[in-house]
Amino acid sequence: MRMVEDFDDIEAFEAKETRDRLPIGWLILFWGLIIWGVIYFFLYTPQFGGWSQEKAYQESVNK
């Protein structure tokens, strides 16, 4: 049976692959998607951007 002290060292259990930083492309994609989501939310939410399906439909019918 192992002693509790054997489990106190977290570095022994950390995977070596997770010690490195994330690739810059992944970070750009991550933050880009967050920014895109916020912009999309404000543009296409009727309370903020004023866009709605009914309004778009009426504009297309009136043309």
Protein backbone atom coordinates (compact mmCIF):
# COMPACT_ATOMS: atom_id res chain seq x y z
CA MET A 1 0.00 0.00 0.00
CA ARG A 2 1.34 3.43 -0.95
CA MET A 3 1.68 6.18 1.56
CA VAL A 4 -0.21 9.45 1.22
CA GLU A 5 3.09 11.30 0.81
CA ASP A 6 3.64 9.47 -2.49
CA PHE A 7 0.64 11.26 -3.99
CA ASP A 8 1.50 14.77 -2.77
CA ASP A 9 3.83 15.47 -5.72
CA ILE A 10 1.50 16.60 -8.52
CA GLU A 11 4.38 16.88 -11.01
CA ALA A 12 4.76 13.10 -10.92
CA PHE A 13 1.22 12.69 -12.23
CA GLU A 14 1.24 15.53 -14.76
CA ALA A 15 1.49 14.34 -18.35
CA LYS A 16 4.55 15.63 -20.13
CA GLU A 17 2.45 16.67 -23.15
CA THR A 18 0.40 19.09 -21.04
CA ARG A 19 3.41 20.98 -19.76
CA ASP A 20 3.87 22.76 -23.10
CA ARG A 21 1.91 25.78 -24.23
CA LEU A 22 -0.91 25.48 -26.73
CA PRO A 23 -0.06 26.10 -30.39
CA ILE A 24 -0.61 29.69 -31.47
CA GLY A 25 -3.11 28.60 -34.14
CA TRP A 26 -5.33 26.99 -31.52
CA LEU A 27 -5.24 30.12 -29.39
CA ILE A 28 -6.11 32.31 -32.38
CA LEU A 29 -8.99 30.00 -33.27
CA PHE A 30 -10.23 29.91 -29.67
CA TRP A 31 -10.25 33.68 -29.19
CA GLY A 32 -11.47 34.29 -32.73
CA LEU A 33 -14.51 32.09 -32.15
CA ILE A 34 -15.28 33.86 -28.89
CA ILE A 35 -15.06 37.28 -30.58
CA TRP A 36 -17.16 36.03 -33.53
CA GLY A 37 -19.79 34.70 -31.12
CA VAL A 38 -20.07 38.00 -29.30
CA ILE A 39 -20.35 39.97 -32.56
CA TYR A 40 -22.90 37.49 -33.96
CA PHE A 41 -24.93 37.72 -30.78
CA PHE A 42 -25.14 41.50 -30.92
CA LEU A 43 -25.85 41.67 -34.66
CA TYR A 44 -28.56 39.01 -34.83
CA THR A 45 -30.34 39.34 -31.51
CA PRO A 46 -33.49 41.42 -32.03
CA GLN A 47 -33.09 43.26 -28.73
CA PHE A 48 -29.61 44.52 -29.63
CA GLY A 49 -29.28 44.62 -33.41
CA GLY A 50 -32.87 44.95 -34.50
CA TRP A 51 -32.64 42.05 -36.97
CA SER A 52 -35.46 39.53 -37.06
CA GLN A 53 -36.71 36.92 -39.51
CA GLU A 54 -40.05 38.67 -39.86
CA LYS A 55 -38.38 41.98 -40.68
CA ALA A 56 -36.09 40.33 -43.24
CA TYR A 57 -39.07 38.54 -44.79
CA GLN A 58 -41.10 41.72 -45.07
CA GLU A 59 -38.17 43.52 -46.71
CA SER A 60 -37.77 40.71 -49.26
CA VAL A 61 -41.52 40.66 -50.05
CA ASN A 62 -41.69 44.44 -50.50
CA LYS A 63 -38.88 44.41 -53.09
